[in-house]
């Protein structure tokens, strides 16, 4: 029973982190689009490229978090069935 509760709380934690990273990716992506649509100066282009690279990094983090949460859910099911 304690392992089941631990897994449940861990899943909740990673789900909250997933939401935070998702919102961050949306915010940074929106900001980079705003930079791209404005007047094109060298500073804005550099910031937009940096923001787009950050969005790619955040999407990779989301992918890994999703896989980790799925593994924890499978483990939780195994613990409940045991």
PDB file of N, CA and C in Angstrom:
ATOM      1  N   UNK A   1       0.804  -1.206   0.000  1.00  0.00           N
ATOM      2  CA  UNK A   1       0.000   0.000   0.000  1.00  0.00           C
ATOM      3  C   UNK A   1       0.847   1.272   0.000  1.00  0.00           C
ATOM      4  N   UNK A   2       1.924   1.334   0.779  1.00  0.00           N
ATOM      5  CA  UNK A   2       2.745   2.565   0.734  1.00  0.00           C
ATOM      6  C   UNK A   2       3.363   2.813  -0.640  1.00  0.00           C
ATOM      7  N   UNK A   3       3.730   1.731  -1.335  1.00  0.00           N
ATOM      8  CA  UNK A   3       4.319   1.911  -2.668  1.00  0.00           C
ATOM      9  C   UNK A   3       3.273   2.460  -3.647  1.00  0.00           C
ATOM     10  N   UNK A   4       2.048   2.017  -3.493  1.00  0.00           N
ATOM     11  CA  UNK A   4       0.969   2.506  -4.349  1.00  0.00           C
ATOM     12  C   UNK A   4       0.755   4.004  -4.124  1.00  0.00           C
ATOM     13  N   UNK A   5       0.742   4.415  -2.877  1.00  0.00           N
ATOM     14  CA  UNK A   5       0.557   5.830  -2.555  1.00  0.00           C
ATOM     15  C   UNK A   5       1.738   6.669  -3.072  1.00  0.00           C
ATOM     16  N   UNK A   6       2.951   6.131  -2.914  1.00  0.00           N
ATOM     17  CA  UNK A   6       4.143   6.823  -3.415  1.00  0.00           C
ATOM     18  C   UNK A   6       4.063   7.015  -4.930  1.00  0.00           C
ATOM     19  N   UNK A   7       3.684   5.962  -5.642  1.00  0.00           N
ATOM     20  CA  UNK A   7       3.579   6.060  -7.102  1.00  0.00           C
ATOM     21  C   UNK A   7       2.502   7.059  -7.506  1.00  0.00           C
ATOM     22  N   UNK A   8       1.389   7.056  -6.796  1.00  0.00           N
ATOM     23  CA  UNK A   8       0.306   7.997  -7.098  1.00  0.00           C
ATOM     24  C   UNK A   8       0.774   9.438  -6.923  1.00  0.00           C
ATOM     25  N   UNK A   9       1.456   9.712  -5.828  1.00  0.00           N
ATOM     26  CA  UNK A   9       1.947  11.070  -5.578  1.00  0.00           C
ATOM     27  C   UNK A   9       3.025  11.466  -6.586  1.00  0.00           C
ATOM     28  N   UNK A  10       3.857  10.523  -6.967  1.00  0.00           N
ATOM     29  CA  UNK A  10       4.896  10.800  -7.962  1.00  0.00           C
ATOM     30  C   UNK A  10       4.265  11.124  -9.312  1.00  0.00           C
ATOM     31  N   UNK A  11       3.233  10.387  -9.675  1.00  0.00           N
ATOM     32  CA  UNK A  11       2.533  10.660 -10.935  1.00  0.00           C
ATOM     33  C   UNK A  11       1.900  12.043 -10.897  1.00  0.00           C
ATOM     34  N   UNK A  12       1.301  12.398  -9.772  1.00  0.00           N
ATOM     35  CA  UNK A  12       0.707  13.735  -9.637  1.00  0.00           C
ATOM     36  C   UNK A  12       1.772  14.818  -9.811  1.00  0.00           C
ATOM     37  N   UNK A  13       2.936  14.609  -9.196  1.00  0.00           N
ATOM     38  CA  UNK A  13       4.023  15.585  -9.294  1.00  0.00           C
ATOM     39  C   UNK A  13       4.475  15.751 -10.750  1.00  0.00           C
ATOM     40  N   UNK A  14       4.733  14.638 -11.420  1.00  0.00           N
ATOM     41  CA  UNK A  14       5.204  14.724 -12.799  1.00  0.00           C
ATOM     42  C   UNK A  14       4.135  15.293 -13.734  1.00  0.00           C
ATOM     43  N   UNK A  15       2.879  15.048 -13.414  1.00  0.00           N
ATOM     44  CA  UNK A  15       1.806  15.632 -14.214  1.00  0.00           C
ATOM     45  C   UNK A  15       1.791  17.149 -14.077  1.00  0.00           C
ATOM     46  N   UNK A  16       2.007  17.648 -12.869  1.00  0.00           N
ATOM     47  CA  UNK A  16       2.077  19.097 -12.671  1.00  0.00           C
ATOM     48  C   UNK A  16       3.284  19.699 -13.384  1.00  0.00           C
ATOM     49  N   UNK A  17       4.407  19.006 -13.349  1.00  0.00           N
ATOM     50  CA  UNK A  17       5.592  19.474 -14.077  1.00  0.00           C
ATOM     51  C   UNK A  17       5.302  19.490 -15.579  1.00  0.00           C
ATOM     52  N   UNK A  18       4.613  18.449 -16.062  1.00  0.00           N
ATOM     53  CA  UNK A  18       4.237  18.374 -17.476  1.00  0.00           C
ATOM     54  C   UNK A  18       3.398  19.589 -17.866  1.00  0.00           C
ATOM     55  N   UNK A  19       2.405  19.930 -17.039  1.00  0.00           N
ATOM     56  CA  UNK A  19       1.562  21.094 -17.324  1.00  0.00           C
ATOM     57  C   UNK A  19       2.386  22.382 -17.353  1.00  0.00           C
ATOM     58  N   UNK A  20       3.288  22.531 -16.401  1.00  0.00           N
ATOM     59  CA  UNK A  20       4.120  23.732 -16.340  1.00  0.00           C
ATOM     60  C   UNK A  20       4.993  23.867 -17.582  1.00  0.00           C
ATOM     61  N   UNK A  21       5.603  22.770 -18.003  1.00  0.00           N
ATOM     62  CA  UNK A  21       6.457  22.808 -19.192  1.00  0.00           C
ATOM     63  C   UNK A  21       5.617  23.090 -20.437  1.00  0.00           C
ATOM     64  N   UNK A  22       4.412  22.514 -20.500  1.00  0.00           N
ATOM     65  CA  UNK A  22       3.524  22.743 -21.640  1.00  0.00           C
ATOM     66  C   UNK A  22       3.145  24.221 -21.746  1.00  0.00           C
ATOM     67  N   UNK A  23       2.764  24.823 -20.624  1.00  0.00           N
ATOM     68  CA  UNK A  23       2.407  26.248 -20.627  1.00  0.00           C
ATOM     69  C   UNK A  23       3.624  27.098 -20.990  1.00  0.00           C
ATOM     70  N   UNK A  24       4.792  26.708 -20.505  1.00  0.00           N
ATOM     71  CA  UNK A  24       6.016  27.441 -20.842  1.00  0.00           C
ATOM     72  C   UNK A  24       6.303  27.372 -22.335  1.00  0.00           C
ATOM     73  N   UNK A  25       6.117  26.196 -22.926  1.00  0.00           N
ATOM     74  CA  UNK A  25       6.345  26.051 -24.371  1.00  0.00           C
ATOM     75  C   UNK A  25       5.373  26.925 -25.162  1.00  0.00           C
ATOM     76  N   UNK A  26       4.122  26.960 -24.728  1.00  0.00           N
ATOM     77  CA  UNK A  26       3.141  27.809 -25.410  1.00  0.00           C
ATOM     78  C   UNK A  26       3.496  29.292 -25.273  1.00  0.00           C
ATOM     79  N   UNK A  27       3.908  29.699 -24.088  1.00  0.00           N
ATOM     80  CA  UNK A  27       4.235  31.106 -23.862  1.00  0.00           C
ATOM     81  C   UNK A  27       5.470  31.528 -24.663  1.00  0.00           C
ATOM     82  N   UNK A  28       6.497  30.713 -24.629  1.00  0.00           N
ATOM     83  CA  UNK A  28       7.719  31.045 -25.372  1.00  0.00           C
ATOM     84  C   UNK A  28       7.447  31.009 -26.870  1.00  0.00           C
ATOM     85  N   UNK A  29       6.666  30.032 -27.308  1.00  0.00           N
ATOM     86  CA  UNK A  29       6.320  29.952 -28.735  1.00  0.00           C
ATOM     87  C   UNK A  29       5.533  31.168 -29.187  1.00  0.00           C
ATOM     88  N   UNK A  30       4.570  31.594 -28.381  1.00  0.00           N
ATOM     89  CA  UNK A  30       3.804  32.791 -28.717  1.00  0.00           C
ATOM     90  C   UNK A  30       4.657  34.033 -28.750  1.00  0.00           C
ATOM     91  N   UNK A  31       5.573  34.132 -27.807  1.00  0.00           N
ATOM     92  CA  UNK A  31       6.486  35.277 -27.797  1.00  0.00           C
ATOM     93  C   UNK A  31       7.400  35.298 -29.008  1.00  0.00           C
ATOM     94  N   UNK A  32       7.860  34.119 -29.420  1.00  0.00           N
ATOM     95  CA  UNK A  32       8.741  34.073 -30.593  1.00  0.00           C
ATOM     96  C   UNK A  32       7.978  34.427 -31.865  1.00  0.00           C
ATOM     97  N   UNK A  33       6.712  34.028 -31.935  1.00  0.00           N
ATOM     98  CA  UNK A  33       5.893  34.413 -33.092  1.00  0.00           C
ATOM     99  C   UNK A  33       5.715  35.930 -33.112  1.00  0.00           C
ATOM    100  N   UNK A  34       5.505  36.512 -31.935  1.00  0.00           N
ATOM    101  CA  UNK A  34       5.392  37.970 -31.848  1.00  0.00           C
ATOM    102  C   UNK A  34       6.661  38.662 -32.312  1.00  0.00           C
ATOM    103  N   UNK A  35       7.803  38.081 -31.987  1.00  0.00           N
ATOM    104  CA  UNK A  35       9.072  38.656 -32.439  1.00  0.00           C
ATOM    105  C   UNK A  35       9.223  38.541 -33.955  1.00  0.00           C
ATOM    106  N   UNK A  36       8.784  37.431 -34.500  1.00  0.00           N
ATOM    107  CA  UNK A  36       8.918  37.209 -35.942  1.00  0.00           C
ATOM    108  C   UNK A  36       8.001  38.154 -36.725  1.00  0.00           C
ATOM    109  N   UNK A  37       6.787  38.379 -36.206  1.00  0.00           N
ATOM    110  CA  UNK A  37       5.821  39.197 -36.929  1.00  0.00           C
ATOM    111  C   UNK A  37       6.110  40.697 -36.843  1.00  0.00           C
ATOM    112  N   UNK A  38       6.938  41.111 -35.916  1.00  0.00           N
ATOM    113  CA  UNK A  38       7.250  42.533 -35.773  1.00  0.00           C
ATOM    114  C   UNK A  38       8.318  42.983 -36.756  1.00  0.00           C
ATOM    115  N   UNK A  39       8.799  44.179 -36.521  1.00  0.00           N
ATOM    116  CA  UNK A  39       9.867  44.736 -37.361  1.00  0.00           C
ATOM    117  C   UNK A  39      11.105  43.858 -37.225  1.00  0.00           C
ATOM    118  N   UNK A  40      11.725  43.556 -38.348  1.00  0.00           N
ATOM    119  CA  UNK A  40      12.867  42.639 -38.329  1.00  0.00           C
ATOM    120  C   UNK A  40      14.170  43.392 -38.109  1.00  0.00           C
ATOM    121  N   UNK A  41      14.641  43.286 -36.889  1.00  0.00           N
ATOM    122  CA  UNK A  41      15.965  43.815 -36.559  1.00  0.00           C
ATOM    123  C   UNK A  41      16.834  42.622 -36.188  1.00  0.00           C
ATOM    124  N   UNK A  42      18.120  42.841 -36.143  1.00  0.00           N
ATOM    125  CA  UNK A  42      19.025  41.728 -35.848  1.00  0.00           C
ATOM    126  C   UNK A  42      18.792  41.181 -34.437  1.00  0.00           C
ATOM    127  N   UNK A  43      18.484  42.040 -33.492  1.00  0.00           N
ATOM    128  CA  UNK A  43      18.243  41.591 -32.120  1.00  0.00           C
ATOM    129  C   UNK A  43      16.984  40.731 -32.057  1.00  0.00           C
ATOM    130  N   UNK A  44      15.931  41.160 -32.744  1.00  0.00           N
ATOM    131  CA  UNK A  44      14.675  40.403 -32.736  1.00  0.00           C
ATOM    132  C   UNK A  44      14.838  39.048 -33.408  1.00  0.00           C
ATOM    133  N   UNK A  45      15.613  38.998 -34.467  1.00  0.00           N
ATOM    134  CA  UNK A  45      15.837  37.727 -35.164  1.00  0.00           C
ATOM    135  C   UNK A  45      16.611  36.763 -34.267  1.00  0.00           C
ATOM    136  N   UNK A  46      17.637  37.264 -33.593  1.00  0.00           N
ATOM    137  CA  UNK A  46      18.415  36.414 -32.681  1.00  0.00           C
ATOM    138  C   UNK A  46      17.535  35.916 -31.540  1.00  0.00           C
ATOM    139  N   UNK A  47      16.718  36.795 -30.972  1.00  0.00           N
ATOM    140  CA  UNK A  47      15.819  36.393 -29.886  1.00  0.00           C
ATOM    141  C   UNK A  47      14.780  35.386 -30.373  1.00  0.00           C
ATOM    142  N   UNK A  48      14.265  35.557 -31.574  1.00  0.00           N
ATOM    143  CA  UNK A  48      13.277  34.630 -32.113  1.00  0.00           C
ATOM    144  C   UNK A  48      13.894  33.251 -32.346  1.00  0.00           C
ATOM    145  N   UNK A  49      15.092  33.214 -32.881  1.00  0.00           N
ATOM    146  CA  UNK A  49      15.770  31.934 -33.107  1.00  0.00           C
ATOM    147  C   UNK A  49      16.050  31.249 -31.778  1.00  0.00           C
ATOM    148  N   UNK A  50      16.499  32.015 -30.803  1.00  0.00           N
ATOM    149  CA  UNK A  50      16.751  31.460 -29.467  1.00  0.00           C
ATOM    150  C   UNK A  50      15.467  30.905 -28.861  1.00  0.00           C
ATOM    151  N   UNK A  51      14.376  31.648 -29.008  1.00  0.00           N
ATOM    152  CA  UNK A  51      13.090  31.198 -28.473  1.00  0.00           C
ATOM    153  C   UNK A  51      12.616  29.928 -29.166  1.00  0.00           C
ATOM    154  N   UNK A  52      12.794  29.853 -30.449  1.00  0.00           N
ATOM    155  CA  UNK A  52      12.377  28.647 -31.176  1.00  0.00           C
ATOM    156  C   UNK A  52      13.214  27.434 -30.763  1.00  0.00           C
ATOM    157  N   UNK A  53      14.494  27.642 -30.522  1.00  0.00           N
ATOM    158  CA  UNK A  53      15.333  26.552 -30.021  1.00  0.00           C
ATOM    159  C   UNK A  53      14.883  26.113 -28.626  1.00  0.00           C
ATOM    160  N   UNK A  54      14.489  27.079 -27.810  1.00  0.00           N
ATOM    161  CA  UNK A  54      13.981  26.764 -26.480  1.00  0.00           C
ATOM    162  C   UNK A  54      12.674  25.975 -26.564  1.00  0.00           C
ATOM    163  N   UNK A  55      11.824  26.317 -27.504  1.00  0.00           N
ATOM    164  CA  UNK A  55      10.569  25.568 -27.694  1.00  0.00           C
ATOM    165  C   UNK A  55      10.877  24.128 -28.090  1.00  0.00           C
ATOM    166  N   UNK A  56      11.838  23.933 -28.948  1.00  0.00           N
ATOM    167  CA  UNK A  56      12.226  22.572 -29.341  1.00  0.00           C
ATOM    168  C   UNK A  56      12.725  21.796 -28.117  1.00  0.00           C
ATOM    169  N   UNK A  57      13.521  22.435 -27.293  1.00  0.00           N
ATOM    170  CA  UNK A  57      14.012  21.803 -26.068  1.00  0.00           C
ATOM    171  C   UNK A  57      12.853  21.458 -25.131  1.00  0.00           C
ATOM    172  N   UNK A  58      11.923  22.373 -24.970  1.00  0.00           N
ATOM    173  CA  UNK A  58      10.769  22.125 -24.104  1.00  0.00           C
ATOM    174  C   UNK A  58       9.901  20.990 -24.641  1.00  0.00           C
ATOM    175  N   UNK A  59       9.759  20.891 -25.951  1.00  0.00           N
ATOM    176  CA  UNK A  59       8.995  19.791 -26.537  1.00  0.00           C
ATOM    177  C   UNK A  59       9.675  18.449 -26.291  1.00  0.00           C
ATOM    178  N   UNK A  60      10.987  18.429 -26.325  1.00  0.00           N
ATOM    179  CA  UNK A  60      11.724  17.197 -26.009  1.00  0.00           C
ATOM    180  C   UNK A  60      11.526  16.825 -24.539  1.00  0.00           C
ATOM    181  N   UNK A  61      11.545  17.811 -23.671  1.00  0.00           N
ATOM    182  CA  UNK A  61      11.286  17.554 -22.252  1.00  0.00           C
ATOM    183  C   UNK A  61       9.878  16.994 -22.073  1.00  0.00           C
ATOM    184  N   UNK A  62       8.906  17.550 -22.795  1.00  0.00           N
ATOM    185  CA  UNK A  62       7.542  17.040 -22.723  1.00  0.00           C
ATOM    186  C   UNK A  62       7.465  15.587 -23.179  1.00  0.00           C
ATOM    187  N   UNK A  63       8.162  15.270 -24.231  1.00  0.00           N
ATOM    188  CA  UNK A  63       8.159  13.899 -24.748  1.00  0.00           C
ATOM    189  C   UNK A  63       8.717  12.932 -23.701  1.00  0.00           C
ATOM    190  N   UNK A  64       9.820  13.316 -23.086  1.00  0.00           N
ATOM    191  CA  UNK A  64      10.430  12.454 -22.076  1.00  0.00           C
ATOM    192  C   UNK A  64       9.567  12.334 -20.825  1.00  0.00           C
ATOM    193  N   UNK A  65       8.972  13.446 -20.405  1.00  0.00           N
ATOM    194  CA  UNK A  65       8.065  13.397 -19.258  1.00  0.00           C
ATOM    195  C   UNK A  65       6.878  12.487 -19.533  1.00  0.00           C
ATOM    196  N   UNK A  66       6.342  12.564 -20.727  1.00  0.00           N
ATOM    197  CA  UNK A  66       5.207  11.724 -21.093  1.00  0.00           C
ATOM    198  C   UNK A  66       5.581  10.250 -21.008  1.00  0.00           C
ATOM    199  N   UNK A  67       6.716   9.892 -21.514  1.00  0.00           N
ATOM    200  CA  UNK A  67       7.159   8.498 -21.466  1.00  0.00           C
ATOM    201  C   UNK A  67       7.381   8.048 -20.023  1.00  0.00           C
ATOM    202  N   UNK A  68       7.924   8.946 -19.199  1.00  0.00           N
ATOM    203  CA  UNK A  68       8.177   8.612 -17.798  1.00  0.00           C
ATOM    204  C   UNK A  68       6.853   8.424 -17.043  1.00  0.00           C
ATOM    205  N   UNK A  69       5.887   9.288 -17.302  1.00  0.00           N
ATOM    206  CA  UNK A  69       4.580   9.166 -16.656  1.00  0.00           C
ATOM    207  C   UNK A  69       3.899   7.867 -17.074  1.00  0.00           C
ATOM    208  N   UNK A  70       3.991   7.518 -18.350  1.00  0.00           N
ATOM    209  CA  UNK A  70       3.408   6.265 -18.822  1.00  0.00           C
ATOM    210  C   UNK A  70       4.039   5.068 -18.120  1.00  0.00           C
ATOM    211  N   UNK A  71       5.353   5.095 -17.942  1.00  0.00           N
ATOM    212  CA  UNK A  71       6.031   3.996 -17.247  1.00  0.00           C
ATOM    213  C   UNK A  71       5.576   3.910 -15.790  1.00  0.00           C
ATOM    214  N   UNK A  72       5.421   5.058 -15.157  1.00  0.00           N
ATOM    215  CA  UNK A  72       4.946   5.059 -13.768  1.00  0.00           C
ATOM    216  C   UNK A  72       3.516   4.535 -13.669  1.00  0.00           C
ATOM    217  N   UNK A  73       2.680   4.880 -14.639  1.00  0.00           N
ATOM    218  CA  UNK A  73       1.305   4.370 -14.638  1.00  0.00           C
ATOM    219  C   UNK A  73       1.275   2.853 -14.799  1.00  0.00           C
ATOM    220  N   UNK A  74       2.116   2.320 -15.671  1.00  0.00           N
ATOM    221  CA  UNK A  74       2.190   0.859 -15.834  1.00  0.00           C
ATOM    222  C   UNK A  74       2.640   0.202 -14.540  1.00  0.00           C
ATOM    223  N   UNK A  75       3.618   0.818 -13.887  1.00  0.00           N
ATOM    224  CA  UNK A  75       4.117   0.267 -12.628  1.00  0.00           C
ATOM    225  C   UNK A  75       3.027   0.318 -11.560  1.00  0.00           C
ATOM    226  N   UNK A  76       2.252   1.392 -11.540  1.00  0.00           N
ATOM    227  CA  UNK A  76       1.148   1.524 -10.583  1.00  0.00           C
ATOM    228  C   UNK A  76       0.110   0.434 -10.812  1.00  0.00           C
ATOM    229  N   UNK A  77      -0.199   0.154 -12.051  1.00  0.00           N
ATOM    230  CA  UNK A  77      -1.162  -0.902 -12.375  1.00  0.00           C
ATOM    231  C   UNK A  77      -0.618  -2.252 -11.890  1.00  0.00           C
ATOM    232  N   UNK A  78       0.661  -2.498 -12.099  1.00  0.00           N
ATOM    233  CA  UNK A  78       1.264  -3.752 -11.645  1.00  0.00           C
ATOM    234  C   UNK A  78       1.184  -3.870 -10.125  1.00  0.00           C
ATOM    235  N   UNK A  79       1.446  -2.784  -9.420  1.00  0.00           N
ATOM    236  CA  UNK A  79       1.399  -2.808  -7.958  1.00  0.00           C
ATOM    237  C   UNK A  79      -0.033  -3.043  -7.475  1.00  0.00           C
ATOM    238  N   UNK A  80      -0.999  -2.425  -8.128  1.00  0.00           N
ATOM    239  CA  UNK A  80      -2.401  -2.609  -7.730  1.00  0.00           C
ATOM    240  C   UNK A  80      -2.879  -4.031  -7.998  1.00  0.00           C
ATOM    241  N   UNK A  81      -2.397  -4.626  -9.077  1.00  0.00           N
ATOM    242  CA  UNK A  81      -2.818  -5.989  -9.418  1.00  0.00           C
ATOM    243  C   UNK A  81      -2.115  -7.054  -8.592  1.00  0.00           C
ATOM    244  N   UNK A  82      -1.019  -6.701  -7.968  1.00  0.00           N
ATOM    245  CA  UNK A  82      -0.252  -7.689  -7.184  1.00  0.00           C
ATOM    246  C   UNK A  82      -0.863  -7.943  -5.828  1.00  0.00           C
TER     247      UNK A  82
END
